[in-house]
Amino acid sequence: MLIDIEKELCVCELISAVTASQPSISRNLAQLRKSGLLVDRKYKQWVFYAINPELPEWQKAIIDLSTQQNSSLISTDIQRLNDMGKRPERTQQHCE
């Protein structure tokens, strides 16, 4: 849901936002990528993840609806992301 809101996040941003370990986050992201829900792109040493733009519209609608209906579940995570600042400063400060 965070990726749906932010449109793209790197692993280190997700680690800071959800306060989980890097192996756990990476493992979950790999599964979501393997299933086709996420796509990734590499930039320097960072890997950024986004919702797969080629998903059928009905899948995108379900993701959007889930994000809207469950925003209270991730409000703390969203606040942590906001506290990190804007990109590229956010990535430089928290991912190096």
PDB file of N, CA and C in Angstrom:
ATOM      1  N   MET A   1       0.812  -1.188   0.000  1.00  0.00           N
ATOM      2  CA  MET A   1       0.000   0.000   0.000  1.00  0.00           C
ATOM      3  C   MET A   1       0.861   1.258   0.000  1.00  0.00           C
ATOM      4  N   LEU A   2       2.010   1.205   0.680  1.00  0.00           N
ATOM      5  CA  LEU A   2       2.894   2.365   0.664  1.00  0.00           C
ATOM      6  C   LEU A   2       3.395   2.651  -0.739  1.00  0.00           C
ATOM      7  N   ILE A   3       3.713   1.606  -1.466  1.00  0.00           N
ATOM      8  CA  ILE A   3       4.190   1.791  -2.833  1.00  0.00           C
ATOM      9  C   ILE A   3       3.074   2.370  -3.693  1.00  0.00           C
ATOM     10  N   ASP A   4       1.852   1.970  -3.463  1.00  0.00           N
ATOM     11  CA  ASP A   4       0.723   2.528  -4.210  1.00  0.00           C
ATOM     12  C   ASP A   4       0.607   4.029  -3.952  1.00  0.00           C
ATOM     13  N   ILE A   5       0.788   4.451  -2.730  1.00  0.00           N
ATOM     14  CA  ILE A   5       0.688   5.869  -2.378  1.00  0.00           C
ATOM     15  C   ILE A   5       1.867   6.660  -2.934  1.00  0.00           C
ATOM     16  N   GLU A   6       3.073   6.146  -2.728  1.00  0.00           N
ATOM     17  CA  GLU A   6       4.283   6.872  -3.118  1.00  0.00           C
ATOM     18  C   GLU A   6       4.645   6.698  -4.590  1.00  0.00           C
ATOM     19  N   LYS A   7       4.048   5.713  -5.239  1.00  0.00           N
ATOM     20  CA  LYS A   7       4.297   5.352  -6.642  1.00  0.00           C
ATOM     21  C   LYS A   7       5.600   4.588  -6.828  1.00  0.00           C
ATOM     22  N   GLU A   8       6.595   4.843  -6.003  1.00  0.00           N
ATOM     23  CA  GLU A   8       7.865   4.129  -6.097  1.00  0.00           C
ATOM     24  C   GLU A   8       8.615   4.310  -4.784  1.00  0.00           C
ATOM     25  N   LEU A   9       9.192   3.225  -4.292  1.00  0.00           N
ATOM     26  CA  LEU A   9       9.996   3.287  -3.071  1.00  0.00           C
ATOM     27  C   LEU A   9      11.201   2.375  -3.219  1.00  0.00           C
ATOM     28  N   CYS A  10      12.294   2.769  -2.587  1.00  0.00           N
ATOM     29  CA  CYS A  10      13.455   1.883  -2.567  1.00  0.00           C
ATOM     30  C   CYS A  10      13.412   1.048  -1.281  1.00  0.00           C
ATOM     31  N   VAL A  11      14.204   0.016  -1.268  1.00  0.00           N
ATOM     32  CA  VAL A  11      14.219  -0.908  -0.130  1.00  0.00           C
ATOM     33  C   VAL A  11      14.519  -0.162   1.165  1.00  0.00           C
ATOM     34  N   CYS A  12      15.502   0.724   1.137  1.00  0.00           N
ATOM     35  CA  CYS A  12      15.880   1.415   2.375  1.00  0.00           C
ATOM     36  C   CYS A  12      14.757   2.312   2.894  1.00  0.00           C
ATOM     37  N   GLU A  13      13.974   2.908   2.006  1.00  0.00           N
ATOM     38  CA  GLU A  13      12.828   3.709   2.445  1.00  0.00           C
ATOM     39  C   GLU A  13      11.788   2.821   3.120  1.00  0.00           C
ATOM     40  N   LEU A  14      11.550   1.658   2.546  1.00  0.00           N
ATOM     41  CA  LEU A  14      10.592   0.724   3.151  1.00  0.00           C
ATOM     42  C   LEU A  14      11.081   0.232   4.507  1.00  0.00           C
ATOM     43  N   ILE A  15      12.372  -0.023   4.628  1.00  0.00           N
ATOM     44  CA  ILE A  15      12.938  -0.463   5.911  1.00  0.00           C
ATOM     45  C   ILE A  15      12.662   0.591   6.982  1.00  0.00           C
ATOM     46  N   SER A  16      12.919   1.850   6.656  1.00  0.00           N
ATOM     47  CA  SER A  16      12.684   2.931   7.617  1.00  0.00           C
ATOM     48  C   SER A  16      11.204   3.115   7.924  1.00  0.00           C
ATOM     49  N   ALA A  17      10.366   2.977   6.915  1.00  0.00           N
ATOM     50  CA  ALA A  17       8.932   3.223   7.101  1.00  0.00           C
ATOM     51  C   ALA A  17       8.261   2.138   7.926  1.00  0.00           C
ATOM     52  N   VAL A  18       8.567   0.888   7.650  1.00  0.00           N
ATOM     53  CA  VAL A  18       7.855  -0.200   8.333  1.00  0.00           C
ATOM     54  C   VAL A  18       8.670  -0.824   9.458  1.00  0.00           C
ATOM     55  N   THR A  19       9.864  -0.313   9.669  1.00  0.00           N
ATOM     56  CA  THR A  19      10.759  -0.794  10.733  1.00  0.00           C
ATOM     57  C   THR A  19      10.883  -2.318  10.737  1.00  0.00           C
ATOM     58  N   ALA A  20      11.166  -2.853   9.581  1.00  0.00           N
ATOM     59  CA  ALA A  20      11.415  -4.291   9.444  1.00  0.00           C
ATOM     60  C   ALA A  20      12.843  -4.473   8.947  1.00  0.00           C
ATOM     61  N   SER A  21      13.314  -5.691   9.012  1.00  0.00           N
ATOM     62  CA  SER A  21      14.688  -5.966   8.596  1.00  0.00           C
ATOM     63  C   SER A  21      14.805  -5.965   7.077  1.00  0.00           C
ATOM     64  N   GLN A  22      16.002  -5.662   6.603  1.00  0.00           N
ATOM     65  CA  GLN A  22      16.253  -5.648   5.163  1.00  0.00           C
ATOM     66  C   GLN A  22      16.004  -7.010   4.527  1.00  0.00           C
ATOM     67  N   PRO A  23      16.464  -8.122   5.124  1.00  0.00           N
ATOM     68  CA  PRO A  23      16.180  -9.421   4.494  1.00  0.00           C
ATOM     69  C   PRO A  23      14.683  -9.710   4.379  1.00  0.00           C
ATOM     70  N   SER A  24      13.930  -9.356   5.392  1.00  0.00           N
ATOM     71  CA  SER A  24      12.486  -9.589   5.370  1.00  0.00           C
ATOM     72  C   SER A  24      11.809  -8.764   4.277  1.00  0.00           C
ATOM     73  N   ILE A  25      12.146  -7.486   4.212  1.00  0.00           N
ATOM     74  CA  ILE A  25      11.575  -6.603   3.187  1.00  0.00           C
ATOM     75  C   ILE A  25      11.960  -7.100   1.796  1.00  0.00           C
ATOM     76  N   SER A  26      13.234  -7.391   1.599  1.00  0.00           N
ATOM     77  CA  SER A  26      13.700  -7.830   0.281  1.00  0.00           C
ATOM     78  C   SER A  26      13.040  -9.135  -0.142  1.00  0.00           C
ATOM     79  N   ARG A  27      12.874 -10.038   0.787  1.00  0.00           N
ATOM     80  CA  ARG A  27      12.232 -11.326   0.489  1.00  0.00           C
ATOM     81  C   ARG A  27      10.777 -11.112   0.048  1.00  0.00           C
ATOM     82  N   ASN A  28      10.056 -10.262   0.767  1.00  0.00           N
ATOM     83  CA  ASN A  28       8.662  -9.980   0.410  1.00  0.00           C
ATOM     84  C   ASN A  28       8.554  -9.248  -0.929  1.00  0.00           C
ATOM     85  N   LEU A  29       9.437  -8.298  -1.160  1.00  0.00           N
ATOM     86  CA  LEU A  29       9.426  -7.584  -2.434  1.00  0.00           C
ATOM     87  C   LEU A  29       9.735  -8.529  -3.594  1.00  0.00           C
ATOM     88  N   ALA A  30      10.671  -9.445  -3.377  1.00  0.00           N
ATOM     89  CA  ALA A  30      11.012 -10.417  -4.423  1.00  0.00           C
ATOM     90  C   ALA A  30       9.806 -11.282  -4.774  1.00  0.00           C
ATOM     91  N   GLN A  31       9.048 -11.687  -3.774  1.00  0.00           N
ATOM     92  CA  GLN A  31       7.847 -12.488  -4.029  1.00  0.00           C
ATOM     93  C   GLN A  31       6.804 -11.684  -4.810  1.00  0.00           C
ATOM     94  N   LEU A  32       6.623 -10.433  -4.438  1.00  0.00           N
ATOM     95  CA  LEU A  32       5.656  -9.581  -5.140  1.00  0.00           C
ATOM     96  C   LEU A  32       6.102  -9.303  -6.576  1.00  0.00           C
ATOM     97  N   ARG A  33       7.410  -9.147  -6.766  1.00  0.00           N
ATOM     98  CA  ARG A  33       7.933  -8.960  -8.120  1.00  0.00           C
ATOM     99  C   ARG A  33       7.758 -10.233  -8.943  1.00  0.00           C
ATOM    100  N   LYS A  34       8.077 -11.360  -8.330  1.00  0.00           N
ATOM    101  CA  LYS A  34       7.957 -12.650  -9.018  1.00  0.00           C
ATOM    102  C   LYS A  34       6.508 -12.931  -9.421  1.00  0.00           C
ATOM    103  N   SER A  35       5.565 -12.502  -8.604  1.00  0.00           N
ATOM    104  CA  SER A  35       4.144 -12.718  -8.908  1.00  0.00           C
ATOM    105  C   SER A  35       3.627 -11.743  -9.968  1.00  0.00           C
ATOM    106  N   GLY A  36       4.421 -10.721 -10.285  1.00  0.00           N
ATOM    107  CA  GLY A  36       4.024  -9.758 -11.304  1.00  0.00           C
ATOM    108  C   GLY A  36       3.334  -8.519 -10.773  1.00  0.00           C
ATOM    109  N   LEU A  37       3.156  -8.420  -9.454  1.00  0.00           N
ATOM    110  CA  LEU A  37       2.494  -7.239  -8.889  1.00  0.00           C
ATOM    111  C   LEU A  37       3.399  -6.011  -8.876  1.00  0.00           C
ATOM    112  N   LEU A  38       4.699  -6.236  -8.696  1.00  0.00           N
ATOM    113  CA  LEU A  38       5.652  -5.137  -8.654  1.00  0.00           C
ATOM    114  C   LEU A  38       6.663  -5.267  -9.782  1.00  0.00           C
ATOM    115  N   VAL A  39       7.226  -4.131 -10.152  1.00  0.00           N
ATOM    116  CA  VAL A  39       8.376  -4.094 -11.045  1.00  0.00           C
ATOM    117  C   VAL A  39       9.482  -3.356 -10.303  1.00  0.00           C
ATOM    118  N   ASP A  40      10.710  -3.601 -10.702  1.00  0.00           N
ATOM    119  CA  ASP A  40      11.820  -2.909 -10.055  1.00  0.00           C
ATOM    120  C   ASP A  40      12.699  -2.237 -11.095  1.00  0.00           C
ATOM    121  N   ARG A  41      13.443  -1.254 -10.617  1.00  0.00           N
ATOM    122  CA  ARG A  41      14.459  -0.613 -11.444  1.00  0.00           C
ATOM    123  C   ARG A  41      15.640  -0.311 -10.538  1.00  0.00           C
ATOM    124  N   LYS A  42      16.811  -0.401 -11.114  1.00  0.00           N
ATOM    125  CA  LYS A  42      18.028  -0.142 -10.350  1.00  0.00           C
ATOM    126  C   LYS A  42      18.557   1.236 -10.724  1.00  0.00           C
ATOM    127  N   TYR A  43      18.978   1.949  -9.705  1.00  0.00           N
ATOM    128  CA  TYR A  43      19.627   3.234  -9.896  1.00  0.00           C
ATOM    129  C   TYR A  43      20.795   3.286  -8.924  1.00  0.00           C
ATOM    130  N   LYS A  44      21.999   3.303  -9.476  1.00  0.00           N
ATOM    131  CA  LYS A  44      23.221   3.217  -8.673  1.00  0.00           C
ATOM    132  C   LYS A  44      23.125   1.983  -7.784  1.00  0.00           C
ATOM    133  N   GLN A  45      23.251   2.164  -6.469  1.00  0.00           N
ATOM    134  CA  GLN A  45      23.206   1.000  -5.577  1.00  0.00           C
ATOM    135  C   GLN A  45      21.798   0.690  -5.068  1.00  0.00           C
ATOM    136  N   TRP A  46      20.797   1.466  -5.490  1.00  0.00           N
ATOM    137  CA  TRP A  46      19.449   1.316  -4.969  1.00  0.00           C
ATOM    138  C   TRP A  46      18.552   0.547  -5.928  1.00  0.00           C
ATOM    139  N   VAL A  47      17.590  -0.159  -5.357  1.00  0.00           N
ATOM    140  CA  VAL A  47      16.559  -0.827  -6.147  1.00  0.00           C
ATOM    141  C   VAL A  47      15.227  -0.208  -5.744  1.00  0.00           C
ATOM    142  N   PHE A  48      14.524   0.321  -6.728  1.00  0.00           N
ATOM    143  CA  PHE A  48      13.229   0.954  -6.509  1.00  0.00           C
ATOM    144  C   PHE A  48      12.127   0.028  -7.001  1.00  0.00           C
ATOM    145  N   TYR A  49      11.029  -0.011  -6.260  1.00  0.00           N
ATOM    146  CA  TYR A  49       9.891  -0.865  -6.600  1.00  0.00           C
ATOM    147  C   TYR A  49       8.662  -0.006  -6.846  1.00  0.00           C
ATOM    148  N   ALA A  50       7.866  -0.443  -7.824  1.00  0.00           N
ATOM    149  CA  ALA A  50       6.617   0.243  -8.166  1.00  0.00           C
ATOM    150  C   ALA A  50       5.572  -0.806  -8.524  1.00  0.00           C
ATOM    151  N   ILE A  51       4.311  -0.409  -8.452  1.00  0.00           N
ATOM    152  CA  ILE A  51       3.232  -1.280  -8.914  1.00  0.00           C
ATOM    153  C   ILE A  51       3.431  -1.490 -10.418  1.00  0.00           C
ATOM    154  N   ASN A  52       3.291  -2.713 -10.854  1.00  0.00           N
ATOM    155  CA  ASN A  52       3.467  -3.041 -12.268  1.00  0.00           C
ATOM    156  C   ASN A  52       2.430  -2.278 -13.105  1.00  0.00           C
ATOM    157  N   PRO A  53       2.872  -1.383 -13.993  1.00  0.00           N
ATOM    158  CA  PRO A  53       1.915  -0.609 -14.790  1.00  0.00           C
ATOM    159  C   PRO A  53       1.141  -1.464 -15.795  1.00  0.00           C
ATOM    160  N   GLU A  54       1.602  -2.675 -16.028  1.00  0.00           N
ATOM    161  CA  GLU A  54       0.929  -3.555 -16.985  1.00  0.00           C
ATOM    162  C   GLU A  54      -0.116  -4.463 -16.335  1.00  0.00           C
ATOM    163  N   LEU A  55      -0.382  -4.255 -15.052  1.00  0.00           N
ATOM    164  CA  LEU A  55      -1.444  -5.024 -14.402  1.00  0.00           C
ATOM    165  C   LEU A  55      -2.778  -4.708 -15.070  1.00  0.00           C
ATOM    166  N   PRO A  56      -3.675  -5.672 -15.107  1.00  0.00           N
ATOM    167  CA  PRO A  56      -5.024  -5.378 -15.608  1.00  0.00           C
ATOM    168  C   PRO A  56      -5.685  -4.302 -14.734  1.00  0.00           C
ATOM    169  N   GLU A  57      -6.564  -3.541 -15.334  1.00  0.00           N
ATOM    170  CA  GLU A  57      -7.223  -2.448 -14.609  1.00  0.00           C
ATOM    171  C   GLU A  57      -7.940  -2.931 -13.354  1.00  0.00           C
ATOM    172  N   TRP A  58      -8.529  -4.109 -13.386  1.00  0.00           N
ATOM    173  CA  TRP A  58      -9.252  -4.595 -12.211  1.00  0.00           C
ATOM    174  C   TRP A  58      -8.295  -4.843 -11.050  1.00  0.00           C
ATOM    175  N   GLN A  59      -7.059  -5.280 -11.338  1.00  0.00           N
ATOM    176  CA  GLN A  59      -6.089  -5.482 -10.263  1.00  0.00           C
ATOM    177  C   GLN A  59      -5.631  -4.144  -9.690  1.00  0.00           C
ATOM    178  N   LYS A  60      -5.390  -3.177 -10.561  1.00  0.00           N
ATOM    179  CA  LYS A  60      -5.009  -1.844 -10.089  1.00  0.00           C
ATOM    180  C   LYS A  60      -6.118  -1.250  -9.224  1.00  0.00           C
ATOM    181  N   ALA A  61      -7.365  -1.468  -9.629  1.00  0.00           N
ATOM    182  CA  ALA A  61      -8.505  -0.944  -8.865  1.00  0.00           C
ATOM    183  C   ALA A  61      -8.576  -1.576  -7.479  1.00  0.00           C
ATOM    184  N   ILE A  62      -8.301  -2.863  -7.390  1.00  0.00           N
ATOM    185  CA  ILE A  62      -8.311  -3.544  -6.088  1.00  0.00           C
ATOM    186  C   ILE A  62      -7.201  -3.003  -5.194  1.00  0.00           C
ATOM    187  N   ILE A  63      -6.020  -2.796  -5.760  1.00  0.00           N
ATOM    188  CA  ILE A  63      -4.905  -2.243  -4.982  1.00  0.00           C
ATOM    189  C   ILE A  63      -5.266  -0.848  -4.487  1.00  0.00           C
ATOM    190  N   ASP A  64      -5.796  -0.005  -5.374  1.00  0.00           N
ATOM    191  CA  ASP A  64      -6.186   1.356  -4.982  1.00  0.00           C
ATOM    192  C   ASP A  64      -7.259   1.346  -3.898  1.00  0.00           C
ATOM    193  N   LEU A  65      -8.258   0.504  -4.057  1.00  0.00           N
ATOM    194  CA  LEU A  65      -9.336   0.415  -3.074  1.00  0.00           C
ATOM    195  C   LEU A  65      -8.807  -0.086  -1.731  1.00  0.00           C
ATOM    196  N   SER A  66      -7.934  -1.074  -1.760  1.00  0.00           N
ATOM    197  CA  SER A  66      -7.331  -1.588  -0.523  1.00  0.00           C
ATOM    198  C   SER A  66      -6.545  -0.496   0.185  1.00  0.00           C
ATOM    199  N   THR A  67      -5.819   0.289  -0.580  1.00  0.00           N
ATOM    200  CA  THR A  67      -5.051   1.387   0.002  1.00  0.00           C
ATOM    201  C   THR A  67      -5.981   2.408   0.645  1.00  0.00           C
ATOM    202  N   GLN A  68      -7.028   2.793  -0.054  1.00  0.00           N
ATOM    203  CA  GLN A  68      -7.980   3.779   0.471  1.00  0.00           C
ATOM    204  C   GLN A  68      -8.698   3.267   1.714  1.00  0.00           C
ATOM    205  N   GLN A  69      -9.161   2.044   1.673  1.00  0.00           N
ATOM    206  CA  GLN A  69      -9.965   1.490   2.762  1.00  0.00           C
ATOM    207  C   GLN A  69      -9.140   1.144   3.999  1.00  0.00           C
ATOM    208  N   ASN A  70      -7.840   0.999   3.842  1.00  0.00           N
ATOM    209  CA  ASN A  70      -6.997   0.573   4.961  1.00  0.00           C
ATOM    210  C   ASN A  70      -5.919   1.586   5.303  1.00  0.00           C
ATOM    211  N   SER A  71      -6.131   2.831   4.951  1.00  0.00           N
ATOM    212  CA  SER A  71      -5.103   3.844   5.182  1.00  0.00           C
ATOM    213  C   SER A  71      -4.734   3.979   6.658  1.00  0.00           C
ATOM    214  N   SER A  72      -5.672   3.707   7.546  1.00  0.00           N
ATOM    215  CA  SER A  72      -5.366   3.809   8.979  1.00  0.00           C
ATOM    216  C   SER A  72      -4.322   2.776   9.409  1.00  0.00           C
ATOM    217  N   LEU A  73      -4.240   1.668   8.696  1.00  0.00           N
ATOM    218  CA  LEU A  73      -3.261   0.626   9.035  1.00  0.00           C
ATOM    219  C   LEU A  73      -1.831   1.050   8.733  1.00  0.00           C
ATOM    220  N   ILE A  74      -1.677   1.993   7.822  1.00  0.00           N
ATOM    221  CA  ILE A  74      -0.330   2.396   7.429  1.00  0.00           C
ATOM    222  C   ILE A  74      -0.041   3.863   7.748  1.00  0.00           C
ATOM    223  N   SER A  75      -0.896   4.494   8.529  1.00  0.00           N
ATOM    224  CA  SER A  75      -0.713   5.922   8.812  1.00  0.00           C
ATOM    225  C   SER A  75       0.625   6.204   9.500  1.00  0.00           C
ATOM    226  N   THR A  76       1.043   5.340  10.402  1.00  0.00           N
ATOM    227  CA  THR A  76       2.335   5.525  11.071  1.00  0.00           C
ATOM    228  C   THR A  76       3.478   5.368  10.078  1.00  0.00           C
ATOM    229  N   ASP A  77       3.363   4.395   9.180  1.00  0.00           N
ATOM    230  CA  ASP A  77       4.392   4.182   8.160  1.00  0.00           C
ATOM    231  C   ASP A  77       4.478   5.381   7.216  1.00  0.00           C
ATOM    232  N   ILE A  78       3.330   5.925   6.856  1.00  0.00           N
ATOM    233  CA  ILE A  78       3.305   7.110   5.991  1.00  0.00           C
ATOM    234  C   ILE A  78       3.969   8.280   6.697  1.00  0.00           C
ATOM    235  N   GLN A  79       3.699   8.435   7.990  1.00  0.00           N
ATOM    236  CA  GLN A  79       4.318   9.520   8.747  1.00  0.00           C
ATOM    237  C   GLN A  79       5.832   9.360   8.794  1.00  0.00           C
ATOM    238  N   ARG A  80       6.305   8.129   8.972  1.00  0.00           N
ATOM    239  CA  ARG A  80       7.756   7.897   8.967  1.00  0.00           C
ATOM    240  C   ARG A  80       8.368   8.289   7.622  1.00  0.00           C
ATOM    241  N   LEU A  81       7.688   7.952   6.530  1.00  0.00           N
ATOM    242  CA  LEU A  81       8.184   8.356   5.209  1.00  0.00           C
ATOM    243  C   LEU A  81       8.209   9.872   5.089  1.00  0.00           C
ATOM    244  N   ASN A  82       7.146  10.530   5.517  1.00  0.00           N
ATOM    245  CA  ASN A  82       7.095  11.991   5.449  1.00  0.00           C
ATOM    246  C   ASN A  82       8.184  12.625   6.297  1.00  0.00           C
ATOM    247  N   ASP A  83       8.480  12.024   7.439  1.00  0.00           N
ATOM    248  CA  ASP A  83       9.534  12.545   8.311  1.00  0.00           C
ATOM    249  C   ASP A  83      10.914  12.428   7.678  1.00  0.00           C
ATOM    250  N   MET A  84      11.055  11.530   6.712  1.00  0.00           N
ATOM    251  CA  MET A  84      12.342  11.344   6.040  1.00  0.00           C
ATOM    252  C   MET A  84      12.643  12.481   5.070  1.00  0.00           C
ATOM    253  N   GLY A  85      11.647  13.261   4.690  1.00  0.00           N
ATOM    254  CA  GLY A  85      11.856  14.354   3.749  1.00  0.00           C
ATOM    255  C   GLY A  85      11.519  13.943   2.332  1.00  0.00           C
ATOM    256  N   LYS A  86      11.954  14.760   1.399  1.00  0.00           N
ATOM    257  CA  LYS A  86      11.668  14.539  -0.023  1.00  0.00           C
ATOM    258  C   LYS A  86      12.857  13.853  -0.689  1.00  0.00           C
ATOM    259  N   ARG A  87      12.583  13.237  -1.824  1.00  0.00           N
ATOM    260  CA  ARG A  87      13.667  12.690  -2.638  1.00  0.00           C
ATOM    261  C   ARG A  87      14.288  13.828  -3.414  1.00  0.00           C
ATOM    262  N   PRO A  88      15.550  13.855  -3.746  1.00  0.00           N
ATOM    263  CA  PRO A  88      16.544  12.810  -3.506  1.00  0.00           C
ATOM    264  C   PRO A  88      17.177  12.864  -2.126  1.00  0.00           C
ATOM    265  N   GLU A  89      16.887  13.941  -1.368  1.00  0.00           N
ATOM    266  CA  GLU A  89      17.495  14.053  -0.044  1.00  0.00           C
ATOM    267  C   GLU A  89      17.156  12.850   0.834  1.00  0.00           C
ATOM    268  N   ARG A  90      15.914  12.391   0.749  1.00  0.00           N
ATOM    269  CA  ARG A  90      15.474  11.253   1.566  1.00  0.00           C
ATOM    270  C   ARG A  90      16.343  10.034   1.287  1.00  0.00           C
ATOM    271  N   THR A  91      16.534   9.723   0.021  1.00  0.00           N
ATOM    272  CA  THR A  91      17.309   8.550  -0.355  1.00  0.00           C
ATOM    273  C   THR A  91      18.763   8.714   0.060  1.00  0.00           C
ATOM    274  N   GLN A  92      19.315   9.896  -0.138  1.00  0.00           N
ATOM    275  CA  GLN A  92      20.716  10.113   0.205  1.00  0.00           C
ATOM    276  C   GLN A  92      20.948  10.017   1.707  1.00  0.00           C
ATOM    277  N   GLN A  93      20.034  10.536   2.506  1.00  0.00           N
ATOM    278  CA  GLN A  93      20.212  10.533   3.954  1.00  0.00           C
ATOM    279  C   GLN A  93      19.961   9.176   4.584  1.00  0.00           C
ATOM    280  N   HIS A  94      19.027   8.422   4.056  1.00  0.00           N
ATOM    281  CA  HIS A  94      18.603   7.195   4.721  1.00  0.00           C
ATOM    282  C   HIS A  94      19.063   5.917   4.035  1.00  0.00           C
ATOM    283  N   CYS A  95      19.667   6.044   2.870  1.00  0.00           N
ATOM    284  CA  CYS A  95      19.996   4.842   2.108  1.00  0.00           C
ATOM    285  C   CYS A  95      21.486   4.677   1.864  1.00  0.00           C
ATOM    286  N   GLU A  96      22.284   5.516   2.412  1.00  0.00           N
ATOM    287  CA  GLU A  96      23.719   5.355   2.177  1.00  0.00           C
ATOM    288  C   GLU A  96      24.406   4.867   3.421  1.00  0.00           C
TER     289      GLU A  96
END
